[in-house]
Amino acid sequence: MALLFWPRGGSAQVARYLSRALIAGGDQVLLATGSNGAPGDHGDAATFFGDVPIAPFGYEDAIEAFTRGEDPMDNPRPLHPSYEDRAGVADRVITALTAAQHAHAVAAWTEHLSAFRAFVDAEVLHIHHLSALQLAARAAAPSAPIVTHLHGTELKLLDAIERREPGIADLPGTAPARELLHAAAACSNAFIVNSPHDRTEAVRLLALDPAITHELTNGVDIARFAPRDVAPDERRANWRRWLVEDPQGWNSATGRPGSIAYEERDLDRFVDPVTGAPRTVLMFVGRFLGFKRVPLLVRAYARAREHMIDPAPLVIWGGAPGEWEGEHPHDVALELGVEDVFFTGWRGHDELPLGLASCDALVAPSVDEPFGQVYLEAMACGLAVIGTATGGPLSFVNVHPGDPDGWLVAPDDIDALAQAMVKVVNEPGERRRRAANGLTHVRADYSWTTVAERVSGVYDSVTMRH
């Protein structure tokens, strides 16, 4: 298995859980992956992947070169590019790279992969995302079939190129980037996509054969992500740790974890002042990327709050330090002067189950979310979810007629999003009913064991054809 990026997004979570499930099922797995940082850091592959055997490709030298004003893409171990356009970061958008830099990345990764006998002799190569890795894998292990796992961000990039989006498709490296991604697809013997939407997009944008493009949803660790009773005192202690004692929220001025922090009295917003009972808590989890629509969420919350019987705090959990597209959601909250919006900053995935258990509903209004792993994780914890009627959530939210497990609203409809939040807060019985439906649904269909069995079926199909 191979993953170009250092661990920081949903695809790394998929690679970790899927690797573990395959190993538990009797497969031997080696994961070649990007890495960034010292042991214990968020981006360190050994720390993140734990007991999964890895072949780390360190990006530390490339990032250090960037701080010296050098091009990290020209480093002996070149930094990976990005599928998004973000200013002031080392991993610039792929359409800004030259053909020579793509070739350099292929050569560097070919050398890296060739050094591991387990990779060279693999029966199947499972590569996450579409990138230079497919070409490197084909060079390192020419006889092994390649299964490419599309996570959606590469499809958004290709769509932006097709639409000639300014800032993406007008950069000088657009043609080399498109050529690289299509060449990577041509190296692949099968594809895995996470939703009907992504399957349609993959076939359209890459001219794929639908017969070898398999729609398989991601899974959820139903042992780790499970309902748990969190007593009121424990809830407050959790919020104290995340917001007061170890603040990791960060503002746009510094990008520094801890630049947004809170005081003990702020925690009073999480309890009813009369009864002392915990208030309903809404949570967003994710990166501050444009399609996540976090600024829109803050604006919708400002409208919804006025109609809540008892104001429910909104917790913004996540945001990789210094990374955002468009408006920073904290700036929007300040601009509106809206109360009860709290920023926890980037937290380890190990803390997320307790974070979800300390909340009552997930609100994630992403538009065309490629999949939406966190929706399943929230549902597995017994939370109702609010999403949009686009992308991945359409394949698993409210798919059982008569048994809704959340609310799906029109994309970019601020009023509909606000109304859904009001219902979640003001109608606790309906919220609990939908949450119970979601829990039943996830446990039945989305364990990683089940997903690994389906992925193994794709492996079998390519080895038989190859």
Protein backbone atom coordinates (compact mmCIF):
# COMPACT_ATOMS: atom_id res chain seq x y z
CA MET A 1 0.00 0.00 0.00
CA ALA A 2 1.20 3.56 -0.62
CA LEU A 3 0.12 7.03 0.48
CA LEU A 4 1.90 10.12 -0.88
CA PHE A 5 0.93 12.48 1.93
CA TRP A 6 2.10 12.70 5.50
CA PRO A 7 -0.75 11.87 7.91
CA ARG A 8 -3.13 14.78 8.23
CA GLY A 9 -6.40 13.95 6.47
CA GLY A 10 -9.09 11.36 5.98
CA SER A 11 -7.14 9.23 3.52
CA ALA A 12 -4.50 8.54 6.19
CA GLN A 13 -7.24 7.35 8.54
CA VAL A 14 -8.55 5.05 5.81
CA ALA A 15 -5.07 3.67 5.12
CA ARG A 16 -4.52 2.98 8.81
CA TYR A 17 -7.85 1.30 9.52
CA LEU A 18 -7.90 -0.65 6.27
CA SER A 19 -4.33 -1.89 6.79
CA ARG A 20 -5.18 -3.12 10.27
CA ALA A 21 -8.35 -4.86 9.06
CA LEU A 22 -6.48 -6.57 6.20
CA ILE A 23 -3.75 -7.73 8.60
CA ALA A 24 -6.38 -9.06 11.00
CA GLY A 25 -7.85 -11.00 8.07
CA GLY A 26 -4.53 -12.70 7.34
CA ASP A 27 -2.94 -10.40 4.73
CA GLN A 28 0.61 -9.09 4.91
CA VAL A 29 0.70 -5.30 4.47
CA LEU A 30 3.53 -2.81 4.05
CA LEU A 31 2.47 0.84 3.85
CA ALA A 32 4.85 3.24 2.11
CA THR A 33 3.84 6.70 3.28
CA GLY A 34 4.93 10.27 3.60
CA SER A 35 6.03 11.43 7.04
CA ASN A 36 6.75 14.79 8.66
CA GLY A 37 8.09 15.40 12.12
CA ALA A 38 9.69 13.77 15.12
CA PRO A 39 8.20 10.84 17.06
CA GLY A 40 5.04 12.01 18.77
CA ASP A 41 4.29 14.76 16.22
CA HIS A 42 0.95 14.75 14.40
CA GLY A 43 2.61 14.17 11.02
CA ASP A 44 5.05 11.46 12.09
CA ALA A 45 4.04 8.30 10.22
CA ALA A 46 5.38 5.86 12.83
CA THR A 47 3.40 7.64 15.55
CA PHE A 48 0.23 7.84 13.51
CA PHE A 49 0.17 4.34 12.00
CA GLY A 50 1.34 2.59 15.15
CA ASP A 51 1.44 -1.17 14.67
CA VAL A 52 1.04 -1.03 10.86
CA PRO A 53 4.35 -1.90 9.13
CA ILE A 54 5.48 1.22 7.26
CA ALA A 55 8.16 2.42 4.86
CA PRO A 56 8.28 6.16 5.70
CA PHE A 57 9.33 8.79 3.17
CA GLY A 58 10.45 11.78 5.24
CA TYR A 59 9.53 15.30 4.16
CA GLU A 60 11.41 17.11 6.92
CA ASP A 61 14.36 18.14 4.73
CA ALA A 62 12.07 19.44 1.99
CA ILE A 63 10.05 21.53 4.45
CA GLU A 64 13.25 22.86 6.01
CA ALA A 65 14.42 23.82 2.51
CA PHE A 66 11.17 25.75 2.05
CA THR A 67 11.91 27.80 5.18
CA ARG A 68 15.27 28.73 3.62
CA GLY A 69 13.55 30.00 0.49
CA GLU A 70 14.39 26.96 -1.63
CA ASP A 71 11.92 24.96 -3.70
CA PRO A 72 10.87 21.91 -1.65
CA MET A 73 9.84 20.14 -4.85
CA ASP A 74 13.49 20.06 -5.94
CA ASN A 75 14.74 18.49 -2.72
CA PRO A 76 16.32 15.01 -3.02
CA ARG A 77 13.19 13.77 -1.24
CA PRO A 78 10.71 16.18 -2.81
CA LEU A 79 7.66 17.36 -0.94
CA HIS A 80 4.28 16.19 -2.18
CA PRO A 81 2.13 18.76 -4.00
CA SER A 82 -1.44 19.61 -3.00
CA TYR A 83 -4.77 19.28 -4.78
CA GLU A 84 -5.82 22.64 -3.31
CA ASP A 85 -4.47 26.14 -3.89
CA ARG A 86 -3.29 27.64 -0.59
CA ALA A 87 -1.03 30.64 -0.17
CA GLY A 88 2.17 30.60 1.85
CA VAL A 89 2.49 26.84 2.32
CA ALA A 90 5.25 24.48 1.27
CA ASP A 91 3.04 21.97 -0.55
CA ARG A 92 1.77 24.16 -3.36
CA VAL A 93 -0.95 23.14 -5.78
CA ILE A 94 0.04 20.46 -8.30
CA THR A 95 -0.75 22.70 -11.30
CA ALA A 96 2.15 24.95 -10.23
CA LEU A 97 4.76 22.19 -10.68
CA THR A 98 6.86 21.61 -13.78
CA ALA A 99 7.06 18.39 -15.76
CA ALA A 100 10.66 18.03 -14.54
CA GLN A 101 9.49 18.19 -10.92
CA HIS A 102 6.90 15.47 -11.54
CA ALA A 103 9.63 13.32 -13.10
CA HIS A 104 11.87 13.98 -10.10
CA ALA A 105 9.11 12.88 -7.71
CA VAL A 106 8.56 9.68 -9.71
CA ALA A 107 12.30 8.91 -9.62
CA ALA A 108 12.63 9.62 -5.88
CA TRP A 109 9.65 7.45 -4.96
CA THR A 110 10.77 4.68 -7.35
CA GLU A 111 14.09 4.53 -5.51
CA HIS A 112 12.30 4.51 -2.15
CA LEU A 113 9.82 1.76 -3.04
CA SER A 114 12.49 -0.38 -4.72
CA ALA A 115 14.41 -0.54 -1.44
CA PHE A 116 11.66 -2.65 0.19
CA ARG A 117 11.48 -6.29 -0.95
CA ALA A 118 7.94 -6.63 0.41
CA PHE A 119 6.81 -3.85 -1.93
CA VAL A 120 8.67 -5.14 -4.97
CA ASP A 121 7.27 -8.66 -4.48
CA ALA A 122 3.72 -7.62 -3.57
CA GLU A 123 0.80 -9.47 -5.13
CA VAL A 124 -1.23 -6.25 -5.27
CA LEU A 125 -0.29 -2.59 -4.94
CA HIS A 126 -3.03 -0.49 -3.34
CA ILE A 127 -2.28 3.21 -3.90
CA HIS A 128 -4.24 5.97 -2.20
CA HIS A 129 -4.97 9.04 -4.35
CA LEU A 130 -3.88 9.70 -7.92
CA SER A 131 -0.33 11.03 -8.12
CA ALA A 132 3.26 10.28 -9.09
CA LEU A 133 3.03 7.15 -6.92
CA GLN A 134 1.34 5.06 -9.60
CA LEU A 135 4.21 5.66 -12.01
CA ALA A 136 6.79 4.99 -9.29
CA ALA A 137 5.02 1.81 -8.22
CA ARG A 138 4.83 0.55 -11.79
CA ALA A 139 8.59 1.13 -12.16
CA ALA A 140 9.43 -0.49 -8.80
CA ALA A 141 7.13 -3.49 -9.19
CA PRO A 142 6.28 -3.88 -12.89
CA SER A 143 4.49 -7.21 -12.53
CA ALA A 144 2.06 -6.30 -9.75
CA PRO A 145 -1.46 -5.06 -10.51
CA ILE A 146 -2.29 -1.60 -9.16
CA VAL A 147 -5.55 -0.72 -7.40
CA THR A 148 -5.96 3.05 -7.17
CA HIS A 149 -8.11 4.34 -4.31
CA LEU A 150 -9.60 7.72 -5.27
CA HIS A 151 -10.49 9.82 -2.24
CA GLY A 152 -12.15 12.64 -4.15
CA THR A 153 -9.75 15.55 -3.78
CA GLU A 154 -7.92 14.59 -6.97
CA LEU A 155 -11.26 14.51 -8.76
CA LYS A 156 -12.07 18.01 -7.53
CA LEU A 157 -8.72 19.15 -8.91
CA LEU A 158 -9.38 17.57 -12.29
CA ASP A 159 -12.84 19.11 -12.37
CA ALA A 160 -11.34 22.53 -11.62
CA ILE A 161 -8.98 22.03 -14.56
CA GLU A 162 -11.88 21.07 -16.83
CA ARG A 163 -13.80 24.17 -15.70
CA ARG A 164 -10.70 26.34 -16.16
CA GLU A 165 -10.96 27.61 -12.61
CA PRO A 166 -8.76 30.68 -12.00
CA GLY A 167 -5.88 30.03 -9.63
CA ILE A 168 -5.86 26.35 -10.57
CA ALA A 169 -6.25 25.87 -14.30
CA ASP A 170 -4.43 29.03 -15.38
CA LEU A 171 -1.12 28.10 -13.77
CA PRO A 172 1.83 27.15 -16.03
CA GLY A 173 1.93 23.58 -14.71
CA THR A 174 -1.68 22.75 -15.55
CA ALA A 175 -0.91 20.67 -18.64
CA PRO A 176 1.88 18.64 -16.95
CA ALA A 177 -0.36 18.01 -13.93
CA ARG A 178 -3.23 16.79 -16.05
CA GLU A 179 -0.86 14.60 -18.05
CA LEU A 180 0.60 13.10 -14.87
CA LEU A 181 -2.79 12.29 -13.34
CA HIS A 182 -4.05 10.67 -16.54
CA ALA A 183 -0.81 8.67 -16.84
CA ALA A 184 -1.24 7.54 -13.23
CA ALA A 185 -4.76 6.36 -14.04
CA ALA A 186 -3.49 4.51 -17.09
CA CYS A 187 -1.09 2.55 -14.82
CA SER A 188 -4.00 1.29 -12.73
CA ASN A 189 -5.83 -2.02 -13.15
CA ALA A 190 -8.81 -1.14 -10.95
CA PHE A 191 -10.21 1.79 -9.01
CA ILE A 192 -11.99 2.18 -5.71
CA VAL A 193 -14.26 5.18 -5.15
CA ASN A 194 -16.26 6.03 -2.05
CA SER A 195 -19.62 7.16 -3.39
CA PRO A 196 -21.89 7.11 -6.45
CA HIS A 197 -21.02 10.76 -7.04
CA ASP A 198 -17.29 10.04 -7.15
CA ARG A 199 -17.80 7.04 -9.41
CA THR A 200 -19.63 9.22 -11.91
CA GLU A 201 -16.95 11.90 -11.67
CA ALA A 202 -14.08 9.43 -12.02
CA VAL A 203 -15.58 7.87 -15.15
CA ARG A 204 -16.25 11.31 -16.63
CA LEU A 205 -12.96 13.00 -15.81
CA LEU A 206 -10.58 10.08 -16.40
CA ALA A 207 -12.53 8.14 -19.05
CA LEU A 208 -12.41 5.06 -16.80
CA ASP A 209 -13.98 1.73 -17.62
CA PRO A 210 -17.01 1.51 -15.31
CA ALA A 211 -16.49 -2.26 -15.04
CA ILE A 212 -13.23 -1.79 -13.12
CA THR A 213 -14.39 1.24 -11.07
CA HIS A 214 -15.68 -0.17 -7.79
CA GLU A 215 -17.87 1.81 -5.42
CA LEU A 216 -16.88 0.81 -1.88
CA THR A 217 -17.60 3.00 1.12
CA ASN A 218 -15.10 3.49 3.88
CA GLY A 219 -15.69 1.93 7.27
CA VAL A 220 -15.66 2.92 10.91
CA ASP A 221 -14.00 1.40 13.97
CA ILE A 222 -17.18 0.40 15.78
CA ALA A 223 -15.21 -0.69 18.84
CA ARG A 224 -13.54 2.69 19.29
CA PHE A 225 -16.40 4.81 17.99
CA ALA A 226 -19.32 3.68 20.12
CA PRO A 227 -21.89 5.34 22.40
CA ARG A 228 -20.68 6.10 25.89
CA ASP A 229 -22.28 7.84 28.84
CA VAL A 230 -20.32 10.93 29.82
CA ALA A 231 -21.39 12.36 33.17
CA PRO A 232 -21.91 16.15 33.40
CA ASP A 233 -18.77 16.64 35.51
CA GLU A 234 -16.72 14.62 33.02
CA ARG A 235 -18.09 16.66 30.13
CA ARG A 236 -16.98 19.87 31.76
CA ALA A 237 -13.59 18.37 32.56
CA ASN A 238 -13.19 17.39 28.89
CA TRP A 239 -13.99 20.88 27.68
CA ARG A 240 -11.66 22.33 30.32
CA ARG A 241 -8.80 20.22 28.99
CA TRP A 242 -9.46 20.98 25.31
CA LEU A 243 -10.24 24.69 25.65
CA VAL A 244 -8.57 25.99 28.81
CA GLU A 245 -5.71 23.73 29.95
CA ASP A 246 -4.39 22.63 26.55
CA PRO A 247 -5.78 25.09 24.00
CA GLN A 248 -4.89 24.24 20.41
CA GLY A 249 -7.19 26.65 18.60
CA TRP A 250 -5.37 29.04 16.30
CA ASN A 251 -6.18 32.35 14.66
CA SER A 252 -5.45 33.64 11.19
CA ALA A 253 -2.98 36.23 12.47
CA THR A 254 -0.48 33.69 13.80
CA GLY A 255 -1.55 30.19 12.73
CA ARG A 256 -0.09 29.17 16.10
CA PRO A 257 -1.85 26.49 18.20
CA GLY A 258 -2.97 28.07 21.45
CA SER A 259 -3.52 31.54 19.98
CA ILE A 260 -7.23 30.94 20.63
CA ALA A 261 -7.76 30.05 24.28
CA TYR A 262 -10.53 30.24 26.85
CA GLU A 263 -11.05 30.76 30.58
CA GLU A 264 -12.89 28.68 33.16
CA ARG A 265 -15.90 30.99 33.10
CA ASP A 266 -16.35 30.30 29.38
CA LEU A 267 -17.20 26.71 30.25
CA ASP A 268 -20.40 27.95 31.91
CA ARG A 269 -21.78 28.26 28.37
CA PHE A 270 -21.91 24.45 28.22
CA VAL A 271 -24.42 24.11 31.09
CA ASP A 272 -27.92 25.38 31.78
CA PRO A 273 -27.58 28.19 34.34
CA VAL A 274 -30.81 27.19 36.09
CA THR A 275 -30.68 23.39 36.19
CA GLY A 276 -26.94 22.84 35.81
CA ALA A 277 -27.65 20.18 33.19
CA PRO A 278 -25.39 19.98 30.13
CA ARG A 279 -26.57 21.98 27.16
CA THR A 280 -26.89 20.41 23.74
CA VAL A 281 -23.55 20.73 21.95
CA LEU A 282 -23.12 20.90 18.17
CA MET A 283 -19.79 19.90 16.66
CA PHE A 284 -17.99 20.32 13.36
CA VAL A 285 -14.95 18.12 12.69
CA GLY A 286 -12.54 18.63 9.81
CA ARG A 287 -10.03 20.79 7.98
CA PHE A 288 -10.74 24.39 6.99
CA LEU A 289 -10.96 23.67 3.26
CA GLY A 290 -13.26 25.61 0.98
CA PHE A 291 -15.68 22.78 0.25
CA LYS A 292 -16.14 22.14 3.99
CA ARG A 293 -18.04 25.47 4.21
CA VAL A 294 -17.00 26.22 7.81
CA PRO A 295 -17.54 30.01 7.44
CA LEU A 296 -21.05 29.29 6.16
CA LEU A 297 -21.63 27.07 9.20
CA VAL A 298 -20.66 29.89 11.57
CA ARG A 299 -23.02 32.30 9.80
CA ALA A 300 -25.87 29.78 9.85
CA TYR A 301 -25.25 29.13 13.54
CA ALA A 302 -25.52 32.87 14.25
CA ARG A 303 -29.01 32.80 12.71
CA ALA A 304 -30.02 29.54 14.36
CA ARG A 305 -28.92 30.60 17.83
CA GLU A 306 -31.61 33.28 17.96
CA HIS A 307 -34.32 30.59 17.66
CA MET A 308 -32.91 27.97 20.03
CA ILE A 309 -34.89 27.39 23.20
CA ASP A 310 -31.60 27.04 25.04
CA PRO A 311 -28.49 28.22 23.13
CA ALA A 312 -26.31 25.28 22.13
CA PRO A 313 -22.55 25.82 21.86
CA LEU A 314 -20.95 25.13 18.49
CA VAL A 315 -17.55 23.46 18.75
CA ILE A 316 -15.21 23.70 15.75
CA TRP A 317 -12.91 20.67 16.16
CA GLY A 318 -9.96 20.55 13.78
CA GLY A 319 -8.25 22.76 11.30
CA ALA A 320 -4.63 21.83 10.61
CA PRO A 321 -2.53 24.69 12.07
CA GLY A 322 -2.04 27.50 9.57
CA GLU A 323 -4.16 25.85 6.87
CA TRP A 324 -7.36 27.43 5.62
CA GLU A 325 -9.05 28.40 2.36
CA GLY A 326 -11.13 31.53 1.93
CA GLU A 327 -12.26 33.09 5.22
CA HIS A 328 -10.96 31.78 8.51
CA PRO A 329 -14.04 30.70 10.54
CA HIS A 330 -12.71 32.39 13.68
CA ASP A 331 -12.58 35.70 11.79
CA VAL A 332 -16.20 35.18 10.77
CA ALA A 333 -17.23 34.54 14.37
CA LEU A 334 -15.47 37.74 15.47
CA GLU A 335 -17.01 39.72 12.62
CA LEU A 336 -20.51 38.60 13.57
CA GLY A 337 -19.91 38.91 17.30
CA VAL A 338 -21.64 35.57 17.74
CA GLU A 339 -21.29 33.92 21.14
CA ASP A 340 -20.75 30.25 21.96
CA VAL A 341 -18.50 29.30 19.02
CA PHE A 342 -15.47 27.43 20.38
CA PHE A 343 -12.31 26.34 18.55
CA THR A 344 -10.45 23.30 19.90
CA GLY A 345 -7.79 23.24 17.17
CA TRP A 346 -6.24 20.14 15.66
CA ARG A 347 -6.62 17.09 17.90
CA GLY A 348 -5.40 13.56 17.53
CA HIS A 349 -7.82 11.04 16.14
CA ASP A 350 -7.54 9.09 19.39
CA GLU A 351 -9.31 11.94 21.19
CA LEU A 352 -12.18 12.18 18.70
CA PRO A 353 -14.39 9.40 20.16
CA LEU A 354 -14.45 11.19 23.52
CA GLY A 355 -14.98 14.51 21.77
CA LEU A 356 -18.00 13.14 19.93
CA ALA A 357 -19.31 11.54 23.12
CA SER A 358 -19.18 14.96 24.77
CA CYS A 359 -21.45 16.39 22.05
CA ASP A 360 -24.98 15.73 20.80
CA ALA A 361 -24.92 16.24 17.02
CA LEU A 362 -22.45 16.61 14.17
CA VAL A 363 -22.95 19.53 11.77
CA ALA A 364 -20.81 19.35 8.63
CA PRO A 365 -22.27 21.27 5.65
CA SER A 366 -19.60 20.24 3.12
CA VAL A 367 -20.56 20.49 -0.54
CA ASP A 368 -19.68 17.43 -2.62
CA GLU A 369 -17.80 15.82 0.25
CA PRO A 370 -15.86 12.96 -1.41
CA PHE A 371 -16.95 10.56 1.32
CA GLY A 372 -17.32 11.88 4.85
CA GLN A 373 -15.66 9.50 7.29
CA VAL A 374 -16.53 11.65 10.29
CA TYR A 375 -20.26 11.34 9.63
CA LEU A 376 -20.00 7.57 10.10
CA GLU A 377 -17.84 8.03 13.19
CA ALA A 378 -20.40 10.39 14.70
CA MET A 379 -23.27 8.03 13.88
CA ALA A 380 -21.35 5.14 15.43
CA CYS A 381 -21.06 7.24 18.62
CA GLY A 382 -24.84 7.66 18.68
CA LEU A 383 -25.05 11.19 17.28
CA ALA A 384 -27.49 12.53 14.73
CA VAL A 385 -25.80 14.29 11.81
CA ILE A 386 -26.51 17.31 9.63
CA GLY A 387 -25.00 17.35 6.15
CA THR A 388 -25.87 18.46 2.65
CA ALA A 389 -27.65 16.47 -0.02
CA THR A 390 -24.45 16.14 -2.07
CA GLY A 391 -21.45 13.86 -2.34
CA GLY A 392 -20.65 10.97 -0.04
CA PRO A 393 -23.29 11.45 2.68
CA LEU A 394 -26.02 10.70 0.13
CA SER A 395 -24.82 7.09 0.13
CA PHE A 396 -25.28 6.50 3.86
CA VAL A 397 -27.42 9.24 5.46
CA ASN A 398 -31.19 8.73 5.26
CA VAL A 399 -30.89 5.81 2.86
CA HIS A 400 -33.46 3.69 4.72
CA PRO A 401 -36.99 4.99 3.94
CA GLY A 402 -38.91 5.73 7.10
CA ASP A 403 -35.79 5.52 9.30
CA PRO A 404 -33.91 8.82 8.89
CA ASP A 405 -30.63 9.06 10.74
CA GLY A 406 -29.93 12.74 10.19
CA TRP A 407 -30.81 15.87 8.29
CA LEU A 408 -29.67 16.59 4.73
CA VAL A 409 -30.12 20.17 3.54
CA ALA A 410 -29.56 21.85 0.19
CA PRO A 411 -25.94 22.86 -0.41
CA ASP A 412 -25.01 26.45 0.49
CA ASP A 413 -28.52 27.09 1.83
CA ILE A 414 -27.76 29.05 4.98
CA ASP A 415 -31.41 29.23 6.06
CA ALA A 416 -32.01 25.48 5.67
CA LEU A 417 -28.82 24.77 7.60
CA ALA A 418 -29.90 27.13 10.39
CA GLN A 419 -33.36 25.53 10.55
CA ALA A 420 -31.83 22.05 10.81
CA MET A 421 -29.67 23.17 13.75
CA VAL A 422 -32.72 24.64 15.45
CA LYS A 423 -34.56 21.32 15.08
CA VAL A 424 -31.62 19.39 16.51
CA VAL A 425 -31.59 21.61 19.59
CA ASN A 426 -35.31 22.24 20.09
CA GLU A 427 -36.55 18.70 19.28
CA PRO A 428 -34.43 16.36 21.43
CA GLY A 429 -36.80 13.41 20.94
CA GLU A 430 -36.44 13.55 17.16
CA ARG A 431 -32.71 14.04 17.48
CA ARG A 432 -32.41 10.91 19.62
CA ARG A 433 -34.64 8.91 17.24
CA ARG A 434 -32.47 9.73 14.25
CA ALA A 435 -29.31 9.07 16.23
CA ALA A 436 -30.57 5.59 17.18
CA ASN A 437 -31.36 4.83 13.53
CA GLY A 438 -27.86 5.89 12.48
CA LEU A 439 -26.21 3.73 15.12
CA THR A 440 -28.10 0.64 13.94
CA HIS A 441 -27.27 1.41 10.31
CA VAL A 442 -23.53 1.89 10.88
CA ARG A 443 -23.07 -1.19 13.02
CA ALA A 444 -24.75 -3.36 10.40
CA ASP A 445 -22.99 -2.12 7.27
CA TYR A 446 -19.80 -0.18 7.96
CA SER A 447 -17.38 -2.10 10.16
CA TRP A 448 -13.80 -2.14 8.83
CA THR A 449 -13.91 -5.93 8.79
CA THR A 450 -16.77 -5.78 6.29
CA VAL A 451 -15.02 -3.12 4.21
CA ALA A 452 -11.75 -5.09 4.16
CA GLU A 453 -13.59 -8.14 2.85
CA ARG A 454 -15.01 -6.04 0.02
CA VAL A 455 -11.58 -4.58 -0.78
CA SER A 456 -10.12 -8.09 -0.83
CA GLY A 457 -12.72 -8.93 -3.45
CA VAL A 458 -11.30 -6.14 -5.64
CA TYR A 459 -7.79 -7.56 -5.10
CA ASP A 460 -9.01 -10.98 -6.19
CA SER A 461 -10.55 -9.53 -9.34
CA VAL A 462 -7.34 -7.79 -10.46
CA THR A 463 -5.04 -10.72 -9.68
CA MET A 464 -7.28 -13.06 -11.68
CA ARG A 465 -7.30 -10.69 -14.67
CA HIS A 466 -3.65 -9.68 -14.48
